[in-house]
Amino acid sequence: MYTVREVAKLAHTTVKTLHYYHKLGLLIPEQTTEAGYRLYGKKDIERLQQILFYKELDFPLKEIQQLLDGETDRENMLIQQKYLLEQKIERFKGLVKTINSSIKSAKEGVDLDMETMFKGFETEDEWEEALKDQNEHLKKEYDFDLSNQTIDVEAMNDSAIEAQSFNEDMVRFLQEG
């Protein structure tokens, strides 16, 4: 049996987080002593691992609880989580390529074409992350909060392509005089 402090240290989380999971009914310790200390067993540790995997995949706690409270086959669940994490890794690899292209472009002083510049930003979450710095600037300078606006992913992707075309035309016009 493990104390809440030992589990927090093992899982690289906080005691407060474990208490919160207990309060939600997401992770109930195997035993609670008369003094109120939480004690976790092997099954609890395995469940915490599942919770942390799903949190890494950005699942809300409510959904995690629904997934874990159903009939669970640990091996199949781990296989599914591995697959989802591999997909996330591939997305991140694509974003790293985009960042590397942007860095190279900035070093060389060359404009990056918009298709390359926005490669990988295909979902609402990815657009929100891409626009986070812009939103902070708008809030600071103009007291305007972009995060209150809804993001139409298709429209944003279309706008990026349109902006690319515009930039390419401007470069051509400037070069032609």
C-alpha atoms as a PDB file:
ATOM      1  CA  MET A   1       0.000   0.000   0.000  1.00  0.00           C
ATOM      2  CA  TYR A   2       1.150   3.515  -0.832  1.00  0.00           C
ATOM      3  CA  THR A   3       0.386   6.784   0.923  1.00  0.00           C
ATOM      4  CA  VAL A   4      -0.952   9.731  -1.028  1.00  0.00           C
ATOM      5  CA  ARG A   5       2.449  11.429  -0.787  1.00  0.00           C
ATOM      6  CA  GLU A   6       4.242   8.333  -2.151  1.00  0.00           C
ATOM      7  CA  VAL A   7       1.781   8.031  -5.038  1.00  0.00           C
ATOM      8  CA  ALA A   8       2.123  11.723  -5.869  1.00  0.00           C
ATOM      9  CA  LYS A   9       5.912  11.369  -5.968  1.00  0.00           C
ATOM     10  CA  LEU A  10       5.752   8.175  -8.078  1.00  0.00           C
ATOM     11  CA  ALA A  11       3.314   9.676 -10.583  1.00  0.00           C
ATOM     12  CA  HIS A  12       4.982  13.115 -10.707  1.00  0.00           C
ATOM     13  CA  THR A  13       1.773  14.800  -9.660  1.00  0.00           C
ATOM     14  CA  THR A  14       0.640  16.585  -6.508  1.00  0.00           C
ATOM     15  CA  VAL A  15      -1.100  15.434  -3.363  1.00  0.00           C
ATOM     16  CA  LYS A  16      -3.707  18.112  -4.077  1.00  0.00           C
ATOM     17  CA  THR A  17      -4.416  16.555  -7.494  1.00  0.00           C
ATOM     18  CA  LEU A  18      -4.884  13.118  -5.927  1.00  0.00           C
ATOM     19  CA  HIS A  19      -7.228  14.593  -3.319  1.00  0.00           C
ATOM     20  CA  TYR A  20      -9.181  16.263  -6.128  1.00  0.00           C
ATOM     21  CA  TYR A  21      -9.447  12.986  -8.064  1.00  0.00           C
ATOM     22  CA  HIS A  22     -10.721  11.341  -4.881  1.00  0.00           C
ATOM     23  CA  LYS A  23     -13.271  14.108  -4.338  1.00  0.00           C
ATOM     24  CA  LEU A  24     -14.531  13.613  -7.932  1.00  0.00           C
ATOM     25  CA  GLY A  25     -14.719   9.850  -7.439  1.00  0.00           C
ATOM     26  CA  LEU A  26     -12.195   9.391 -10.235  1.00  0.00           C
ATOM     27  CA  LEU A  27      -9.533   7.738  -8.071  1.00  0.00           C
ATOM     28  CA  ILE A  28     -10.773   6.326  -4.785  1.00  0.00           C
ATOM     29  CA  PRO A  29      -8.034   4.878  -2.583  1.00  0.00           C
ATOM     30  CA  GLU A  30      -8.295   1.225  -1.644  1.00  0.00           C
ATOM     31  CA  GLN A  31      -8.270   2.116   2.049  1.00  0.00           C
ATOM     32  CA  THR A  32      -8.636   5.110   4.291  1.00  0.00           C
ATOM     33  CA  THR A  33      -7.193   4.768   7.796  1.00  0.00           C
ATOM     34  CA  GLU A  34      -9.021   5.806  10.944  1.00  0.00           C
ATOM     35  CA  ALA A  35      -6.851   8.912  10.957  1.00  0.00           C
ATOM     36  CA  GLY A  36      -8.094   9.754   7.439  1.00  0.00           C
ATOM     37  CA  TYR A  37      -4.926   8.808   5.533  1.00  0.00           C
ATOM     38  CA  ARG A  38      -5.482   7.538   2.012  1.00  0.00           C
ATOM     39  CA  LEU A  39      -3.769   4.275   1.063  1.00  0.00           C
ATOM     40  CA  TYR A  40      -3.498   3.185  -2.562  1.00  0.00           C
ATOM     41  CA  GLY A  41      -3.076  -0.353  -3.890  1.00  0.00           C
ATOM     42  CA  LYS A  42      -1.820  -1.723  -7.209  1.00  0.00           C
ATOM     43  CA  LYS A  43      -5.207  -1.334  -8.953  1.00  0.00           C
ATOM     44  CA  ASP A  44      -5.374   2.298  -7.830  1.00  0.00           C
ATOM     45  CA  ILE A  45      -1.891   2.952  -9.226  1.00  0.00           C
ATOM     46  CA  GLU A  46      -2.882   1.335 -12.538  1.00  0.00           C
ATOM     47  CA  ARG A  47      -6.033   3.472 -12.666  1.00  0.00           C
ATOM     48  CA  LEU A  48      -3.964   6.598 -11.999  1.00  0.00           C
ATOM     49  CA  GLN A  49      -1.699   5.662 -14.894  1.00  0.00           C
ATOM     50  CA  GLN A  50      -4.781   5.410 -17.145  1.00  0.00           C
ATOM     51  CA  ILE A  51      -6.017   8.794 -15.928  1.00  0.00           C
ATOM     52  CA  LEU A  52      -2.653  10.417 -16.639  1.00  0.00           C
ATOM     53  CA  PHE A  53      -2.455   8.877 -20.121  1.00  0.00           C
ATOM     54  CA  TYR A  54      -5.911  10.227 -20.957  1.00  0.00           C
ATOM     55  CA  LYS A  55      -5.013  13.628 -19.504  1.00  0.00           C
ATOM     56  CA  GLU A  56      -1.961  13.700 -21.805  1.00  0.00           C
ATOM     57  CA  LEU A  57      -4.408  13.153 -24.651  1.00  0.00           C
ATOM     58  CA  ASP A  58      -6.437  16.178 -23.444  1.00  0.00           C
ATOM     59  CA  PHE A  59      -9.485  14.173 -22.374  1.00  0.00           C
ATOM     60  CA  PRO A  60     -11.689  16.019 -19.846  1.00  0.00           C
ATOM     61  CA  LEU A  61     -11.839  14.402 -16.398  1.00  0.00           C
ATOM     62  CA  LYS A  62     -15.558  13.667 -16.792  1.00  0.00           C
ATOM     63  CA  GLU A  63     -14.880  11.659 -19.973  1.00  0.00           C
ATOM     64  CA  ILE A  64     -11.955   9.875 -18.348  1.00  0.00           C
ATOM     65  CA  GLN A  65     -14.195   8.787 -15.508  1.00  0.00           C
ATOM     66  CA  GLN A  66     -16.831   7.476 -17.923  1.00  0.00           C
ATOM     67  CA  LEU A  67     -14.178   5.541 -19.844  1.00  0.00           C
ATOM     68  CA  LEU A  68     -12.634   4.046 -16.725  1.00  0.00           C
ATOM     69  CA  ASP A  69     -15.895   3.253 -14.964  1.00  0.00           C
ATOM     70  CA  GLY A  70     -17.088   1.077 -17.845  1.00  0.00           C
ATOM     71  CA  GLU A  71     -15.955  -2.459 -18.483  1.00  0.00           C
ATOM     72  CA  THR A  72     -12.217  -2.123 -18.928  1.00  0.00           C
ATOM     73  CA  ASP A  73      -9.725  -4.437 -20.520  1.00  0.00           C
ATOM     74  CA  ARG A  74      -6.425  -2.960 -19.370  1.00  0.00           C
ATOM     75  CA  GLU A  75      -4.426  -4.350 -22.290  1.00  0.00           C
ATOM     76  CA  ASN A  76      -6.847  -3.041 -24.939  1.00  0.00           C
ATOM     77  CA  MET A  77      -7.088   0.319 -23.184  1.00  0.00           C
ATOM     78  CA  LEU A  78      -3.302   0.639 -23.180  1.00  0.00           C
ATOM     79  CA  ILE A  79      -3.166  -0.301 -26.872  1.00  0.00           C
ATOM     80  CA  GLN A  80      -5.774   2.374 -27.685  1.00  0.00           C
ATOM     81  CA  GLN A  81      -3.922   4.981 -25.624  1.00  0.00           C
ATOM     82  CA  LYS A  82      -0.647   4.065 -27.345  1.00  0.00           C
ATOM     83  CA  TYR A  83      -2.303   4.567 -30.730  1.00  0.00           C
ATOM     84  CA  LEU A  84      -3.712   7.967 -29.720  1.00  0.00           C
ATOM     85  CA  LEU A  85      -0.350   9.078 -28.324  1.00  0.00           C
ATOM     86  CA  GLU A  86       1.404   7.982 -31.533  1.00  0.00           C
ATOM     87  CA  GLN A  87      -1.050  10.100 -33.533  1.00  0.00           C
ATOM     88  CA  LYS A  88      -0.318  13.058 -31.282  1.00  0.00           C
ATOM     89  CA  ILE A  89       3.429  12.503 -31.732  1.00  0.00           C
ATOM     90  CA  GLU A  90       3.014  12.561 -35.510  1.00  0.00           C
ATOM     91  CA  ARG A  91       1.074  15.851 -35.299  1.00  0.00           C
ATOM     92  CA  PHE A  92       3.813  17.331 -33.107  1.00  0.00           C
ATOM     93  CA  LYS A  93       6.498  16.144 -35.545  1.00  0.00           C
ATOM     94  CA  GLY A  94       4.647  18.021 -38.285  1.00  0.00           C
ATOM     95  CA  LEU A  95       4.470  21.140 -36.125  1.00  0.00           C
ATOM     96  CA  VAL A  96       8.191  20.877 -35.346  1.00  0.00           C
ATOM     97  CA  LYS A  97       8.881  20.750 -39.103  1.00  0.00           C
ATOM     98  CA  THR A  98       6.785  23.895 -39.525  1.00  0.00           C
ATOM     99  CA  ILE A  99       8.690  25.635 -36.713  1.00  0.00           C
ATOM    100  CA  ASN A 100      12.021  24.593 -38.244  1.00  0.00           C
ATOM    101  CA  SER A 101      10.932  25.973 -41.631  1.00  0.00           C
ATOM    102  CA  SER A 102       9.875  29.225 -39.966  1.00  0.00           C
ATOM    103  CA  ILE A 103      13.203  29.504 -38.109  1.00  0.00           C
ATOM    104  CA  LYS A 104      15.157  28.869 -41.308  1.00  0.00           C
ATOM    105  CA  SER A 105      13.040  31.413 -43.146  1.00  0.00           C
ATOM    106  CA  ALA A 106      13.580  34.014 -40.409  1.00  0.00           C
ATOM    107  CA  LYS A 107      17.358  33.409 -40.398  1.00  0.00           C
ATOM    108  CA  GLU A 108      17.571  33.763 -44.165  1.00  0.00           C
ATOM    109  CA  GLY A 109      15.240  36.773 -44.240  1.00  0.00           C
ATOM    110  CA  VAL A 110      12.992  35.033 -46.736  1.00  0.00           C
ATOM    111  CA  ASP A 111       9.200  34.993 -46.498  1.00  0.00           C
ATOM    112  CA  LEU A 112       7.803  31.546 -45.874  1.00  0.00           C
ATOM    113  CA  ASP A 113       4.912  30.593 -48.111  1.00  0.00           C
ATOM    114  CA  MET A 114       1.639  30.475 -46.199  1.00  0.00           C
ATOM    115  CA  GLU A 115       0.972  26.820 -46.918  1.00  0.00           C
ATOM    116  CA  THR A 116       4.225  25.886 -45.193  1.00  0.00           C
ATOM    117  CA  MET A 117       3.751  28.510 -42.509  1.00  0.00           C
ATOM    118  CA  PHE A 118       0.439  27.035 -41.406  1.00  0.00           C
ATOM    119  CA  LYS A 119       1.109  23.373 -42.088  1.00  0.00           C
ATOM    120  CA  GLY A 120      -0.130  21.362 -39.131  1.00  0.00           C
ATOM    121  CA  PHE A 121      -2.659  23.938 -37.937  1.00  0.00           C
ATOM    122  CA  GLU A 122      -5.708  22.029 -39.009  1.00  0.00           C
ATOM    123  CA  THR A 123      -7.831  21.764 -35.895  1.00  0.00           C
ATOM    124  CA  GLU A 124      -9.388  24.391 -33.651  1.00  0.00           C
ATOM    125  CA  ASP A 125      -6.953  23.559 -30.831  1.00  0.00           C
ATOM    126  CA  GLU A 126      -4.002  23.961 -33.175  1.00  0.00           C
ATOM    127  CA  TRP A 127      -5.301  27.326 -34.420  1.00  0.00           C
ATOM    128  CA  GLU A 128      -5.919  28.472 -30.829  1.00  0.00           C
ATOM    129  CA  GLU A 129      -2.346  27.566 -29.911  1.00  0.00           C
ATOM    130  CA  ALA A 130      -1.009  29.325 -33.022  1.00  0.00           C
ATOM    131  CA  LEU A 131      -2.974  32.467 -32.219  1.00  0.00           C
ATOM    132  CA  LYS A 132      -2.163  32.539 -28.487  1.00  0.00           C
ATOM    133  CA  ASP A 133       0.743  35.010 -28.795  1.00  0.00           C
ATOM    134  CA  GLN A 134      -1.283  37.213 -31.143  1.00  0.00           C
ATOM    135  CA  ASN A 135      -4.145  37.219 -28.633  1.00  0.00           C
ATOM    136  CA  GLU A 136      -1.818  38.264 -25.799  1.00  0.00           C
ATOM    137  CA  HIS A 137      -0.552  41.162 -27.940  1.00  0.00           C
ATOM    138  CA  LEU A 138      -4.119  42.238 -28.811  1.00  0.00           C
ATOM    139  CA  LYS A 139      -5.184  42.116 -25.148  1.00  0.00           C
ATOM    140  CA  LYS A 140      -2.166  44.143 -24.033  1.00  0.00           C
ATOM    141  CA  GLU A 141      -2.206  46.756 -26.792  1.00  0.00           C
ATOM    142  CA  TYR A 142      -5.897  47.058 -27.706  1.00  0.00           C
ATOM    143  CA  ASP A 143      -7.835  45.493 -24.821  1.00  0.00           C
ATOM    144  CA  PHE A 144      -9.328  43.017 -27.315  1.00  0.00           C
ATOM    145  CA  ASP A 145      -9.658  39.351 -26.404  1.00  0.00           C
ATOM    146  CA  LEU A 146      -9.438  37.065 -29.415  1.00  0.00           C
ATOM    147  CA  SER A 147     -10.113  33.980 -27.266  1.00  0.00           C
ATOM    148  CA  ASN A 148     -13.771  35.013 -26.950  1.00  0.00           C
ATOM    149  CA  GLN A 149     -14.146  34.569 -30.714  1.00  0.00           C
ATOM    150  CA  THR A 150     -15.156  31.210 -32.144  1.00  0.00           C
ATOM    151  CA  ILE A 151     -12.738  29.665 -34.583  1.00  0.00           C
ATOM    152  CA  ASP A 152     -14.097  28.325 -37.846  1.00  0.00           C
ATOM    153  CA  VAL A 153     -11.333  25.887 -38.771  1.00  0.00           C
ATOM    154  CA  GLU A 154     -12.319  25.611 -42.420  1.00  0.00           C
ATOM    155  CA  ALA A 155     -12.515  29.394 -42.783  1.00  0.00           C
ATOM    156  CA  MET A 156      -9.146  29.829 -41.034  1.00  0.00           C
ATOM    157  CA  ASN A 157      -7.508  27.275 -43.330  1.00  0.00           C
ATOM    158  CA  ASP A 158      -9.107  28.984 -46.357  1.00  0.00           C
ATOM    159  CA  SER A 159      -7.909  32.387 -45.114  1.00  0.00           C
ATOM    160  CA  ALA A 160      -4.369  31.051 -44.722  1.00  0.00           C
ATOM    161  CA  ILE A 161      -4.414  29.824 -48.314  1.00  0.00           C
ATOM    162  CA  GLU A 162      -5.871  33.150 -49.502  1.00  0.00           C
ATOM    163  CA  ALA A 163      -3.210  35.062 -47.560  1.00  0.00           C
ATOM    164  CA  GLN A 164      -0.530  32.889 -49.131  1.00  0.00           C
ATOM    165  CA  SER A 165      -1.854  33.698 -52.589  1.00  0.00           C
ATOM    166  CA  PHE A 166      -2.001  37.417 -51.757  1.00  0.00           C
ATOM    167  CA  ASN A 167       1.580  37.404 -50.446  1.00  0.00           C
ATOM    168  CA  GLU A 168       2.830  35.557 -53.511  1.00  0.00           C
ATOM    169  CA  ASP A 169       1.073  38.103 -55.780  1.00  0.00           C
ATOM    170  CA  MET A 170       2.546  41.023 -53.803  1.00  0.00           C
ATOM    171  CA  VAL A 171       6.061  39.574 -54.063  1.00  0.00           C
ATOM    172  CA  ARG A 172       5.613  39.071 -57.817  1.00  0.00           C
ATOM    173  CA  PHE A 173       4.241  42.613 -58.306  1.00  0.00           C
ATOM    174  CA  LEU A 174       7.069  44.136 -56.293  1.00  0.00           C
ATOM    175  CA  GLN A 175       9.677  42.167 -58.208  1.00  0.00           C
ATOM    176  CA  GLU A 176       8.123  43.198 -61.529  1.00  0.00           C
ATOM    177  CA  GLY A 177       7.949  46.834 -60.484  1.00  0.00           C
END
